[in-house]
Amino acid sequence: MEAVKKYLVQTALAAGLVMLFVGYVARAHHSIALQFDMTSEIVVVGNILEMEWRNPHSWLHVEVENEAGDLEVWRVEFGSANSLYRRGWRQGDLPIGAEVTIHGLAARDGSRQMEGDEIAFADGRSLFSGSRPQ
């Protein structure tokens, strides 16, 4: 009987830990509509400074010239490194200094941040992120 009680306690503790972990992971993920305006499509043209291949989101840093002629750094959010890789993206596709045109969604808070849908290169190539809901 004592072994059954011990087993039940261990099972309850394990289930509690699993529920705690699942709750934390679910809370951490969010919709892009929370951060980006789904009705405000923008285009940014600039030069690549850095690409952060990360999970759950990758970030491209681009230097853009504003209307006043000053340089600004824009951050472009894409899906995970894994999802981009499955869509054919490779690290060599985004060389530092390359001029790119990025189509995407503007940040709701007006910051120099956007959700990227597609990157077009001067030579006509393009990369599609596939992360935007239709």
N, C-alpha and C. Protein backbone atom coordinates (compact mmCIF):
# COMPACT_ATOMS: atom_id res chain seq x y z
N MET A 1 0.82 -1.19 0.00
CA MET A 1 0.00 0.00 0.00
C MET A 1 0.87 1.26 0.00
N GLU A 2 1.95 1.21 0.73
CA GLU A 2 2.87 2.35 0.80
C GLU A 2 3.50 2.63 -0.57
N ALA A 3 3.78 1.60 -1.33
CA ALA A 3 4.36 1.75 -2.67
C ALA A 3 3.37 2.44 -3.61
N VAL A 4 2.09 2.13 -3.46
CA VAL A 4 1.06 2.75 -4.30
C VAL A 4 0.97 4.24 -4.00
N LYS A 5 1.00 4.61 -2.72
CA LYS A 5 0.96 6.02 -2.33
C LYS A 5 2.16 6.77 -2.89
N LYS A 6 3.32 6.15 -2.78
CA LYS A 6 4.53 6.78 -3.29
C LYS A 6 4.43 6.98 -4.81
N TYR A 7 3.91 5.97 -5.50
CA TYR A 7 3.75 6.07 -6.95
C TYR A 7 2.77 7.19 -7.31
N LEU A 8 1.66 7.30 -6.61
CA LEU A 8 0.66 8.33 -6.88
C LEU A 8 1.23 9.73 -6.64
N VAL A 9 2.02 9.90 -5.59
CA VAL A 9 2.63 11.19 -5.31
C VAL A 9 3.62 11.56 -6.41
N GLN A 10 4.43 10.61 -6.81
CA GLN A 10 5.40 10.88 -7.88
C GLN A 10 4.71 11.21 -9.20
N THR A 11 3.64 10.50 -9.49
CA THR A 11 2.88 10.74 -10.71
C THR A 11 2.24 12.14 -10.68
N ALA A 12 1.68 12.51 -9.54
CA ALA A 12 1.06 13.83 -9.41
C ALA A 12 2.11 14.93 -9.55
N LEU A 13 3.28 14.75 -8.96
CA LEU A 13 4.36 15.74 -9.09
C LEU A 13 4.82 15.87 -10.55
N ALA A 14 4.99 14.75 -11.21
CA ALA A 14 5.42 14.77 -12.61
C ALA A 14 4.38 15.45 -13.48
N ALA A 15 3.09 15.14 -13.25
CA ALA A 15 2.03 15.78 -14.03
C ALA A 15 1.99 17.28 -13.77
N GLY A 16 2.20 17.68 -12.54
CA GLY A 16 2.22 19.10 -12.21
C GLY A 16 3.36 19.83 -12.90
N LEU A 17 4.52 19.22 -12.92
CA LEU A 17 5.67 19.83 -13.60
C LEU A 17 5.44 19.94 -15.10
N VAL A 18 4.84 18.92 -15.69
CA VAL A 18 4.54 18.96 -17.12
C VAL A 18 3.55 20.08 -17.41
N MET A 19 2.52 20.20 -16.61
CA MET A 19 1.52 21.26 -16.82
C MET A 19 2.14 22.64 -16.66
N LEU A 20 3.03 22.80 -15.71
CA LEU A 20 3.71 24.07 -15.49
C LEU A 20 4.56 24.42 -16.71
N PHE A 21 5.29 23.46 -17.23
CA PHE A 21 6.14 23.69 -18.40
C PHE A 21 5.30 24.02 -19.62
N VAL A 22 4.24 23.27 -19.87
CA VAL A 22 3.39 23.51 -21.03
C VAL A 22 2.75 24.89 -20.94
N GLY A 23 2.32 25.28 -19.77
CA GLY A 23 1.73 26.61 -19.58
C GLY A 23 2.73 27.71 -19.87
N TYR A 24 3.96 27.52 -19.46
CA TYR A 24 5.00 28.53 -19.71
C TYR A 24 5.28 28.66 -21.20
N VAL A 25 5.41 27.55 -21.91
CA VAL A 25 5.69 27.57 -23.34
C VAL A 25 4.53 28.20 -24.10
N ALA A 26 3.31 27.87 -23.75
CA ALA A 26 2.15 28.42 -24.44
C ALA A 26 2.05 29.92 -24.21
N ARG A 27 2.39 30.38 -23.04
CA ARG A 27 2.33 31.80 -22.71
C ARG A 27 3.40 32.59 -23.49
N ALA A 28 4.52 31.97 -23.77
CA ALA A 28 5.63 32.65 -24.43
C ALA A 28 5.35 32.90 -25.90
N HIS A 29 4.54 32.09 -26.55
CA HIS A 29 4.28 32.28 -27.97
C HIS A 29 3.14 33.27 -28.16
N HIS A 30 3.23 34.07 -29.22
CA HIS A 30 2.22 35.09 -29.46
C HIS A 30 1.94 35.20 -30.95
N SER A 31 0.83 35.79 -31.28
CA SER A 31 0.45 36.04 -32.66
C SER A 31 1.20 37.25 -33.19
N ILE A 32 1.51 37.26 -34.50
CA ILE A 32 2.18 38.43 -35.05
C ILE A 32 1.25 39.65 -35.03
N ALA A 33 -0.06 39.41 -35.00
CA ALA A 33 -1.02 40.52 -34.97
C ALA A 33 -0.94 41.30 -33.66
N LEU A 34 -0.37 40.72 -32.64
CA LEU A 34 -0.20 41.42 -31.37
C LEU A 34 0.84 42.54 -31.49
N GLN A 35 1.88 42.30 -32.25
CA GLN A 35 3.00 43.22 -32.35
C GLN A 35 3.01 44.03 -33.65
N PHE A 36 2.40 43.49 -34.71
CA PHE A 36 2.46 44.13 -36.02
C PHE A 36 1.06 44.41 -36.55
N ASP A 37 0.93 45.52 -37.27
CA ASP A 37 -0.35 45.94 -37.83
C ASP A 37 -0.62 45.17 -39.12
N MET A 38 -1.59 44.30 -39.08
CA MET A 38 -1.90 43.42 -40.21
C MET A 38 -2.45 44.19 -41.42
N THR A 39 -2.81 45.46 -41.23
CA THR A 39 -3.37 46.27 -42.33
C THR A 39 -2.37 47.29 -42.86
N SER A 40 -1.17 47.32 -42.32
CA SER A 40 -0.18 48.34 -42.69
C SER A 40 1.06 47.70 -43.32
N GLU A 41 0.98 47.47 -44.63
CA GLU A 41 2.12 46.89 -45.33
C GLU A 41 3.13 47.99 -45.65
N ILE A 42 4.41 47.69 -45.43
CA ILE A 42 5.47 48.66 -45.71
C ILE A 42 6.57 48.00 -46.52
N VAL A 43 7.40 48.85 -47.13
CA VAL A 43 8.57 48.39 -47.88
C VAL A 43 9.77 49.17 -47.36
N VAL A 44 10.83 48.46 -47.06
CA VAL A 44 12.07 49.06 -46.57
C VAL A 44 13.20 48.64 -47.50
N VAL A 45 14.04 49.60 -47.90
CA VAL A 45 15.19 49.31 -48.76
C VAL A 45 16.44 49.70 -47.99
N GLY A 46 17.38 48.77 -47.90
CA GLY A 46 18.61 49.07 -47.17
C GLY A 46 19.66 48.00 -47.39
N ASN A 47 20.73 48.09 -46.58
CA ASN A 47 21.84 47.14 -46.66
C ASN A 47 21.88 46.27 -45.42
N ILE A 48 22.15 45.00 -45.63
CA ILE A 48 22.18 44.03 -44.54
C ILE A 48 23.36 44.31 -43.62
N LEU A 49 23.07 44.40 -42.32
CA LEU A 49 24.10 44.53 -41.30
C LEU A 49 24.38 43.20 -40.61
N GLU A 50 23.31 42.44 -40.37
CA GLU A 50 23.45 41.18 -39.61
C GLU A 50 22.18 40.37 -39.74
N MET A 51 22.33 39.05 -39.71
CA MET A 51 21.18 38.15 -39.65
C MET A 51 21.36 37.26 -38.44
N GLU A 52 20.38 37.26 -37.54
CA GLU A 52 20.39 36.39 -36.37
C GLU A 52 19.52 35.18 -36.67
N TRP A 53 20.13 34.04 -36.89
CA TRP A 53 19.41 32.79 -37.15
C TRP A 53 19.04 32.20 -35.80
N ARG A 54 17.82 32.42 -35.36
CA ARG A 54 17.41 31.98 -34.02
C ARG A 54 16.05 31.31 -34.06
N ASN A 55 15.75 30.63 -33.00
CA ASN A 55 14.42 30.08 -32.75
C ASN A 55 13.92 30.70 -31.46
N PRO A 56 12.71 31.16 -31.35
CA PRO A 56 11.59 30.94 -32.27
C PRO A 56 11.49 31.97 -33.38
N HIS A 57 12.28 33.06 -33.35
CA HIS A 57 12.22 34.07 -34.41
C HIS A 57 13.63 34.46 -34.83
N SER A 58 13.82 34.62 -36.13
CA SER A 58 15.08 35.13 -36.67
C SER A 58 14.93 36.63 -36.89
N TRP A 59 16.04 37.34 -36.82
CA TRP A 59 16.03 38.80 -36.97
C TRP A 59 17.08 39.24 -37.98
N LEU A 60 16.64 40.06 -38.94
CA LEU A 60 17.54 40.66 -39.91
C LEU A 60 17.69 42.13 -39.54
N HIS A 61 18.93 42.61 -39.46
CA HIS A 61 19.21 44.01 -39.16
C HIS A 61 19.65 44.67 -40.45
N VAL A 62 18.96 45.77 -40.81
CA VAL A 62 19.19 46.45 -42.08
C VAL A 62 19.41 47.94 -41.83
N GLU A 63 20.41 48.50 -42.49
CA GLU A 63 20.67 49.93 -42.40
C GLU A 63 19.92 50.63 -43.54
N VAL A 64 19.03 51.56 -43.16
CA VAL A 64 18.13 52.22 -44.10
C VAL A 64 18.34 53.73 -44.03
N GLU A 65 18.34 54.38 -45.18
CA GLU A 65 18.43 55.84 -45.22
C GLU A 65 17.01 56.42 -45.13
N ASN A 66 16.78 57.30 -44.14
CA ASN A 66 15.45 57.89 -43.98
C ASN A 66 15.30 59.11 -44.91
N GLU A 67 14.13 59.77 -44.83
CA GLU A 67 13.86 60.91 -45.71
C GLU A 67 14.85 62.06 -45.52
N ALA A 68 15.39 62.21 -44.31
CA ALA A 68 16.35 63.28 -44.02
C ALA A 68 17.77 62.92 -44.46
N GLY A 69 17.97 61.71 -44.95
CA GLY A 69 19.30 61.29 -45.38
C GLY A 69 20.12 60.65 -44.28
N ASP A 70 19.52 60.49 -43.09
CA ASP A 70 20.22 59.84 -41.97
C ASP A 70 20.03 58.33 -42.05
N LEU A 71 21.04 57.60 -41.55
CA LEU A 71 20.95 56.14 -41.54
C LEU A 71 20.29 55.66 -40.25
N GLU A 72 19.37 54.72 -40.40
CA GLU A 72 18.66 54.11 -39.27
C GLU A 72 18.79 52.60 -39.38
N VAL A 73 18.79 51.94 -38.25
CA VAL A 73 18.81 50.48 -38.26
C VAL A 73 17.38 49.99 -38.04
N TRP A 74 16.94 49.15 -38.96
CA TRP A 74 15.64 48.50 -38.86
C TRP A 74 15.85 47.04 -38.48
N ARG A 75 14.95 46.53 -37.64
CA ARG A 75 14.96 45.11 -37.28
C ARG A 75 13.77 44.45 -37.96
N VAL A 76 14.03 43.35 -38.66
CA VAL A 76 12.99 42.64 -39.39
C VAL A 76 12.85 41.25 -38.79
N GLU A 77 11.66 40.96 -38.29
CA GLU A 77 11.40 39.65 -37.68
C GLU A 77 10.90 38.68 -38.73
N PHE A 78 11.45 37.48 -38.68
CA PHE A 78 11.01 36.38 -39.53
C PHE A 78 10.68 35.19 -38.63
N GLY A 79 10.23 34.12 -39.22
CA GLY A 79 9.96 32.90 -38.47
C GLY A 79 11.26 32.30 -37.94
N SER A 80 11.15 31.12 -37.42
CA SER A 80 12.31 30.46 -36.83
C SER A 80 13.36 30.12 -37.89
N ALA A 81 14.58 29.96 -37.43
CA ALA A 81 15.66 29.55 -38.33
C ALA A 81 15.30 28.23 -39.00
N ASN A 82 14.67 27.34 -38.27
CA ASN A 82 14.26 26.04 -38.83
C ASN A 82 13.27 26.21 -39.98
N SER A 83 12.27 27.06 -39.79
CA SER A 83 11.27 27.25 -40.84
C SER A 83 11.88 27.94 -42.07
N LEU A 84 12.77 28.90 -41.85
CA LEU A 84 13.42 29.55 -42.98
C LEU A 84 14.29 28.57 -43.76
N TYR A 85 15.00 27.72 -43.04
CA TYR A 85 15.84 26.71 -43.68
C TYR A 85 14.98 25.76 -44.53
N ARG A 86 13.83 25.36 -44.00
CA ARG A 86 12.93 24.48 -44.75
C ARG A 86 12.39 25.16 -46.01
N ARG A 87 12.33 26.49 -46.01
CA ARG A 87 11.86 27.24 -47.18
C ARG A 87 13.01 27.53 -48.16
N GLY A 88 14.20 27.04 -47.85
CA GLY A 88 15.32 27.19 -48.79
C GLY A 88 16.31 28.29 -48.45
N TRP A 89 16.09 28.98 -47.33
CA TRP A 89 17.04 30.04 -46.94
C TRP A 89 18.33 29.40 -46.45
N ARG A 90 19.47 30.02 -46.79
CA ARG A 90 20.77 29.57 -46.31
C ARG A 90 21.55 30.79 -45.83
N GLN A 91 22.52 30.57 -44.95
CA GLN A 91 23.27 31.70 -44.40
C GLN A 91 23.97 32.50 -45.48
N GLY A 92 24.44 31.86 -46.51
CA GLY A 92 25.12 32.54 -47.60
C GLY A 92 24.20 33.42 -48.45
N ASP A 93 22.89 33.27 -48.29
CA ASP A 93 21.93 34.06 -49.07
C ASP A 93 21.83 35.50 -48.62
N LEU A 94 22.32 35.81 -47.42
CA LEU A 94 22.16 37.15 -46.84
C LEU A 94 23.51 37.75 -46.47
N PRO A 95 24.34 38.06 -47.47
CA PRO A 95 25.67 38.59 -47.16
C PRO A 95 25.60 40.01 -46.59
N ILE A 96 26.44 40.28 -45.64
CA ILE A 96 26.51 41.62 -45.04
C ILE A 96 26.86 42.62 -46.15
N GLY A 97 26.12 43.73 -46.15
CA GLY A 97 26.34 44.77 -47.14
C GLY A 97 25.44 44.69 -48.36
N ALA A 98 24.79 43.54 -48.56
CA ALA A 98 23.92 43.39 -49.74
C ALA A 98 22.71 44.32 -49.62
N GLU A 99 22.37 44.96 -50.76
CA GLU A 99 21.18 45.80 -50.77
C GLU A 99 19.95 44.92 -50.95
N VAL A 100 18.94 45.15 -50.12
CA VAL A 100 17.72 44.36 -50.16
C VAL A 100 16.49 45.26 -50.07
N THR A 101 15.40 44.78 -50.62
CA THR A 101 14.09 45.40 -50.47
C THR A 101 13.23 44.43 -49.70
N ILE A 102 12.69 44.88 -48.58
CA ILE A 102 11.93 44.00 -47.70
C ILE A 102 10.49 44.45 -47.65
N HIS A 103 9.59 43.52 -47.90
CA HIS A 103 8.15 43.76 -47.81
C HIS A 103 7.65 43.12 -46.52
N GLY A 104 6.78 43.84 -45.82
CA GLY A 104 6.27 43.26 -44.58
C GLY A 104 5.24 44.15 -43.91
N LEU A 105 5.08 43.92 -42.62
CA LEU A 105 4.08 44.61 -41.81
C LEU A 105 4.75 45.53 -40.80
N ALA A 106 4.20 46.72 -40.65
CA ALA A 106 4.76 47.72 -39.73
C ALA A 106 4.48 47.33 -38.28
N ALA A 107 5.38 47.74 -37.39
CA ALA A 107 5.18 47.53 -35.96
C ALA A 107 4.04 48.42 -35.47
N ARG A 108 3.24 47.91 -34.56
CA ARG A 108 2.12 48.68 -34.01
C ARG A 108 2.60 49.89 -33.21
N ASP A 109 3.77 49.78 -32.59
CA ASP A 109 4.24 50.86 -31.73
C ASP A 109 5.02 51.96 -32.47
N GLY A 110 5.10 51.86 -33.80
CA GLY A 110 5.78 52.88 -34.59
C GLY A 110 7.30 52.78 -34.59
N SER A 111 7.84 51.74 -33.99
CA SER A 111 9.30 51.58 -33.95
C SER A 111 9.82 51.14 -35.31
N ARG A 112 11.13 51.16 -35.47
CA ARG A 112 11.77 50.71 -36.71
C ARG A 112 11.93 49.20 -36.67
N GLN A 113 10.79 48.56 -36.66
CA GLN A 113 10.73 47.10 -36.58
C GLN A 113 9.57 46.66 -37.47
N MET A 114 9.73 45.52 -38.12
CA MET A 114 8.67 45.01 -38.98
C MET A 114 8.68 43.50 -39.03
N GLU A 115 7.57 42.93 -39.43
CA GLU A 115 7.46 41.50 -39.70
C GLU A 115 7.73 41.32 -41.17
N GLY A 116 8.78 40.59 -41.52
CA GLY A 116 9.16 40.44 -42.92
C GLY A 116 8.42 39.32 -43.62
N ASP A 117 7.94 39.61 -44.82
CA ASP A 117 7.27 38.59 -45.65
C ASP A 117 8.17 38.10 -46.78
N GLU A 118 8.89 39.06 -47.38
CA GLU A 118 9.72 38.73 -48.54
C GLU A 118 10.92 39.67 -48.60
N ILE A 119 12.05 39.11 -49.01
CA ILE A 119 13.26 39.89 -49.26
C ILE A 119 13.58 39.77 -50.75
N ALA A 120 13.73 40.92 -51.42
CA ALA A 120 14.10 40.93 -52.84
C ALA A 120 15.51 41.51 -52.97
N PHE A 121 16.31 40.89 -53.82
CA PHE A 121 17.68 41.31 -54.05
C PHE A 121 17.79 42.05 -55.38
N ALA A 122 18.85 42.83 -55.55
CA ALA A 122 19.06 43.62 -56.77
C ALA A 122 19.15 42.74 -58.02
N ASP A 123 19.62 41.50 -57.86
CA ASP A 123 19.77 40.62 -59.02
C ASP A 123 18.47 39.90 -59.40
N GLY A 124 17.36 40.21 -58.70
CA GLY A 124 16.07 39.62 -59.04
C GLY A 124 15.67 38.43 -58.17
N ARG A 125 16.61 37.89 -57.40
CA ARG A 125 16.26 36.77 -56.51
C ARG A 125 15.37 37.29 -55.38
N SER A 126 14.60 36.38 -54.79
CA SER A 126 13.82 36.75 -53.62
C SER A 126 13.70 35.55 -52.69
N LEU A 127 13.50 35.87 -51.42
CA LEU A 127 13.28 34.86 -50.40
C LEU A 127 11.94 35.17 -49.74
N PHE A 128 11.10 34.15 -49.60
CA PHE A 128 9.79 34.29 -49.01
C PHE A 128 9.79 33.63 -47.65
N SER A 129 9.26 34.34 -46.64
CA SER A 129 9.30 33.79 -45.29
C SER A 129 8.16 32.83 -45.01
N GLY A 130 7.00 33.07 -45.59
CA GLY A 130 5.87 32.19 -45.36
C GLY A 130 5.26 32.28 -43.99
N SER A 131 5.58 33.33 -43.23
CA SER A 131 5.09 33.40 -41.86
C SER A 131 3.82 34.22 -41.71
N ARG A 132 3.47 34.99 -42.71
CA ARG A 132 2.30 35.87 -42.61
C ARG A 132 1.02 35.09 -42.91
N PRO A 133 0.02 35.21 -42.03
CA PRO A 133 -1.25 34.52 -42.31
C PRO A 133 -1.97 35.17 -43.48
N GLN A 134 -2.66 34.39 -44.25
CA GLN A 134 -3.39 34.91 -45.41
C GLN A 134 -4.85 35.11 -45.09
